[in-house]
């Protein structure tokens, strides 16, 4: 499947905000958004003047920021939006719940890995299990009551050990994390106030409803 393989810091600079695609580097002085807070291809304040964005452009950039934040392709993201619209409740809230309960998102939010990209890589390499069964699909939807765990033989894997050591140890309210056992239990679906995303999810729904 096609996937962006270029420098991810360009993606953050393109959106003009941190998308936390490189783990700890994003919170360090090395963050490209802080060092060069202007879009790629421009030379700082001497670059071309940016025009006032239209409503369509604002919606597009919001959609792109959130899609990139979760590391999804356009087709995947569109399907999540379509599914969210068919579910009862507020489509924007439904969309975030679907995205946050992906296996790679749960592992990342729990602090068991440094980033979603790393989560997808380690999941594909059979280092994680759900309710005792190995799952290699990053898009697997983790439901309330299910427990995600690092496989016993993988608990001392350097990327996982490093991630746990720097984790804030303050997991979202909808997750119950045991850092010693390397486990994360989904207690309930995430509420809107529990999710921090780079944009308004309702704008995304409106974008696809045009």
Protein backbone atom coordinates (compact mmCIF):
# COMPACT_ATOMS: atom_id res chain seq x y z
CA UNK A 1 0.00 0.00 0.00
CA UNK A 2 1.26 3.47 -0.89
CA UNK A 3 2.42 5.53 2.05
CA UNK A 4 4.35 8.77 2.47
CA UNK A 5 8.03 7.96 3.05
CA UNK A 6 9.59 11.42 2.89
CA UNK A 7 10.75 13.63 5.79
CA UNK A 8 7.80 13.87 8.18
CA UNK A 9 8.90 17.20 9.61
CA UNK A 10 7.88 18.75 6.30
CA UNK A 11 4.31 17.62 7.00
CA UNK A 12 4.24 19.46 10.31
CA UNK A 13 5.70 22.60 8.74
CA UNK A 14 3.16 22.40 5.92
CA UNK A 15 0.31 22.52 8.44
CA UNK A 16 2.04 25.10 10.61
CA UNK A 17 1.59 23.02 13.78
CA UNK A 18 3.09 20.05 15.59
CA UNK A 19 1.60 16.72 14.56
CA UNK A 20 3.89 14.72 16.86
CA UNK A 21 5.07 12.35 14.15
CA UNK A 22 8.57 11.77 15.56
CA UNK A 23 7.93 11.12 19.23
CA UNK A 24 10.25 12.87 21.69
CA UNK A 25 11.92 14.95 18.98
CA UNK A 26 8.66 16.91 18.66
CA UNK A 27 8.93 18.11 22.26
CA UNK A 28 12.64 18.97 22.03
CA UNK A 29 14.40 22.10 20.71
CA UNK A 30 15.17 20.10 17.57
CA UNK A 31 11.52 20.28 16.47
CA UNK A 32 11.42 21.64 12.91
CA UNK A 33 8.25 23.64 13.57
CA UNK A 34 10.02 25.63 16.26
CA UNK A 35 13.28 26.03 14.33
CA UNK A 36 11.60 26.90 11.02
CA UNK A 37 8.02 28.06 11.69
CA UNK A 38 7.13 28.55 8.03
CA UNK A 39 6.02 26.19 5.23
CA UNK A 40 8.65 24.16 3.38
CA UNK A 41 9.89 25.88 0.24
CA UNK A 42 9.80 29.34 1.83
CA UNK A 43 12.74 31.26 3.27
CA UNK A 44 11.29 32.49 6.55
CA UNK A 45 9.92 35.99 6.66
CA UNK A 46 11.48 36.68 3.25
CA UNK A 47 9.30 34.09 1.56
CA UNK A 48 6.25 34.87 -0.50
CA UNK A 49 3.31 36.53 1.24
CA UNK A 50 0.60 34.09 2.20
CA UNK A 51 -2.87 34.87 0.94
CA UNK A 52 -5.93 34.87 3.11
CA UNK A 53 -7.34 31.35 3.14
CA UNK A 54 -10.80 30.61 1.81
CA UNK A 55 -13.27 28.55 3.84
CA UNK A 56 -12.53 25.59 1.58
CA UNK A 57 -8.79 25.96 2.16
CA UNK A 58 -9.29 26.06 5.94
CA UNK A 59 -11.38 22.88 5.82
CA UNK A 60 -8.86 21.16 3.55
CA UNK A 61 -5.88 21.99 5.74
CA UNK A 62 -7.77 20.89 8.87
CA UNK A 63 -8.65 17.60 7.22
CA UNK A 64 -5.07 17.08 6.07
CA UNK A 65 -3.66 17.89 9.53
CA UNK A 66 -5.89 15.39 11.32
CA UNK A 67 -5.41 12.73 8.65
CA UNK A 68 -1.63 13.12 8.85
CA UNK A 69 -1.74 13.14 12.65
CA UNK A 70 -3.26 9.64 12.58
CA UNK A 71 -1.05 8.49 9.70
CA UNK A 72 -3.87 7.48 7.37
CA UNK A 73 -4.23 7.46 3.61
CA UNK A 74 -7.04 9.46 2.03
CA UNK A 75 -9.19 6.42 1.28
CA UNK A 76 -8.86 5.08 4.81
CA UNK A 77 -9.71 8.44 6.34
CA UNK A 78 -12.74 8.94 4.09
CA UNK A 79 -14.10 5.54 5.14
CA UNK A 80 -13.79 6.47 8.82
CA UNK A 81 -15.72 9.69 8.20
CA UNK A 82 -18.42 7.79 6.32
CA UNK A 83 -18.71 5.26 9.15
CA UNK A 84 -18.89 8.03 11.75
CA UNK A 85 -21.77 9.67 9.90
CA UNK A 86 -23.77 6.44 9.94
CA UNK A 87 -23.34 5.95 13.69
CA UNK A 88 -25.79 7.46 16.21
CA UNK A 89 -24.59 10.61 17.95
CA UNK A 90 -22.38 13.51 16.85
CA UNK A 91 -20.38 12.54 13.73
CA UNK A 92 -17.29 14.46 14.87
CA UNK A 93 -17.21 12.70 18.23
CA UNK A 94 -17.82 9.36 16.52
CA UNK A 95 -14.91 10.01 14.17
CA UNK A 96 -12.49 10.67 17.01
CA UNK A 97 -13.67 7.57 18.88
CA UNK A 98 -13.03 5.43 15.78
CA UNK A 99 -9.58 6.92 15.23
CA UNK A 100 -8.51 6.77 18.86
CA UNK A 101 -9.51 3.13 19.34
CA UNK A 102 -7.34 1.92 16.46
CA UNK A 103 -4.68 -0.40 17.87
CA UNK A 104 -1.82 1.87 16.81
CA UNK A 105 -3.51 4.87 18.49
CA UNK A 106 -4.13 2.97 21.73
CA UNK A 107 -0.52 1.80 21.91
CA UNK A 108 0.72 5.33 21.19
CA UNK A 109 -1.64 7.08 23.63
CA UNK A 110 -0.66 4.61 26.35
CA UNK A 111 2.99 5.60 25.98
CA UNK A 112 4.18 2.12 25.11
CA UNK A 113 5.82 3.46 21.93
CA UNK A 114 7.24 6.82 20.86
CA UNK A 115 4.90 7.48 17.93
CA UNK A 116 2.08 6.03 15.85
CA UNK A 117 4.52 5.21 13.05
CA UNK A 118 6.60 3.16 15.49
CA UNK A 119 3.42 1.55 16.80
CA UNK A 120 2.43 0.39 13.30
CA UNK A 121 5.91 -1.01 12.71
CA UNK A 122 6.03 -2.97 15.97
CA UNK A 123 2.46 -4.20 15.60
CA UNK A 124 3.30 -5.55 12.16
CA UNK A 125 6.33 -7.31 13.64
CA UNK A 126 4.07 -9.23 16.08
CA UNK A 127 5.15 -7.49 19.28
CA UNK A 128 1.63 -6.73 20.54
CA UNK A 129 -1.38 -8.78 21.50
CA UNK A 130 -5.01 -8.07 22.37
CA UNK A 131 -6.65 -10.22 25.04
CA UNK A 132 -3.78 -12.70 24.76
CA UNK A 133 -3.89 -13.05 20.96
CA UNK A 134 -1.26 -11.57 18.65
CA UNK A 135 -2.69 -8.86 16.37
CA UNK A 136 -0.67 -7.59 13.42
CA UNK A 137 -3.24 -5.16 11.98
CA UNK A 138 -2.68 -1.57 13.12
CA UNK A 139 -6.25 -0.61 12.24
CA UNK A 140 -7.73 -3.25 14.56
CA UNK A 141 -10.47 -1.58 16.60
CA UNK A 142 -9.89 -2.08 20.33
CA UNK A 143 -13.21 -2.20 22.17
CA UNK A 144 -13.95 -1.29 25.81
CA UNK A 145 -12.84 -4.07 28.14
CA UNK A 146 -10.09 -5.35 25.84
CA UNK A 147 -6.48 -5.36 27.04
CA UNK A 148 -3.57 -4.49 24.77
CA UNK A 149 -0.20 -5.86 25.91
CA UNK A 150 3.36 -6.08 24.75
CA UNK A 151 4.20 -9.74 24.21
CA UNK A 152 6.25 -11.15 27.06
CA UNK A 153 9.31 -11.78 24.88
CA UNK A 154 9.16 -8.20 23.58
CA UNK A 155 8.88 -6.31 26.87
CA UNK A 156 12.57 -5.43 26.94
CA UNK A 157 12.72 -4.36 23.32
CA UNK A 158 14.79 -1.11 23.24
CA UNK A 159 12.11 1.09 21.56
CA UNK A 160 9.51 -0.02 24.08
CA UNK A 161 11.81 0.36 27.09
CA UNK A 162 12.83 3.85 25.95
CA UNK A 163 9.22 4.90 25.35
CA UNK A 164 8.09 3.70 28.78
CA UNK A 165 11.00 5.45 30.49
CA UNK A 166 10.06 8.83 29.04
CA UNK A 167 6.29 8.37 29.22
CA UNK A 168 4.51 10.95 31.35
CA UNK A 169 2.84 8.10 33.23
CA UNK A 170 -0.41 10.04 32.94
CA UNK A 171 -2.57 8.03 30.58
CA UNK A 172 -5.86 9.35 29.15
CA UNK A 173 -8.88 8.75 31.37
CA UNK A 174 -10.26 6.18 28.97
CA UNK A 175 -7.15 4.02 29.30
CA UNK A 176 -5.87 2.03 32.28
CA UNK A 177 -2.13 1.53 31.82
CA UNK A 178 0.25 -0.73 33.74
CA UNK A 179 3.76 0.32 32.69
CA UNK A 180 5.44 -2.50 34.61
CA UNK A 181 3.44 -5.16 32.83
CA UNK A 182 3.37 -3.16 29.59
CA UNK A 183 -0.43 -3.34 29.29
CA UNK A 184 -3.20 -0.89 28.44
CA UNK A 185 -6.90 -1.57 28.99
CA UNK A 186 -9.57 0.41 27.17
CA UNK A 187 -11.96 1.32 29.99
CA UNK A 188 -14.47 3.17 27.81
CA UNK A 189 -14.70 5.08 24.56
CA UNK A 190 -12.83 8.40 24.68
CA UNK A 191 -14.90 11.54 25.30
CA UNK A 192 -14.20 14.65 23.23
CA UNK A 193 -12.50 16.42 26.13
CA UNK A 194 -10.09 13.48 26.49
CA UNK A 195 -8.74 13.78 22.96
CA UNK A 196 -6.22 16.33 21.74
CA UNK A 197 -6.11 16.64 17.95
CA UNK A 198 -4.66 19.34 15.66
CA UNK A 199 -7.98 20.74 14.47
CA UNK A 200 -11.77 20.67 14.70
CA UNK A 201 -13.05 17.24 13.74
CA UNK A 202 -16.48 18.64 12.85
CA UNK A 203 -14.83 20.73 10.12
CA UNK A 204 -13.58 17.46 8.63
CA UNK A 205 -17.11 16.05 8.53
CA UNK A 206 -18.33 19.24 6.86
CA UNK A 207 -15.51 19.04 4.32
CA UNK A 208 -16.63 15.60 3.11
CA UNK A 209 -20.27 16.68 3.14
CA UNK A 210 -19.69 19.43 0.56
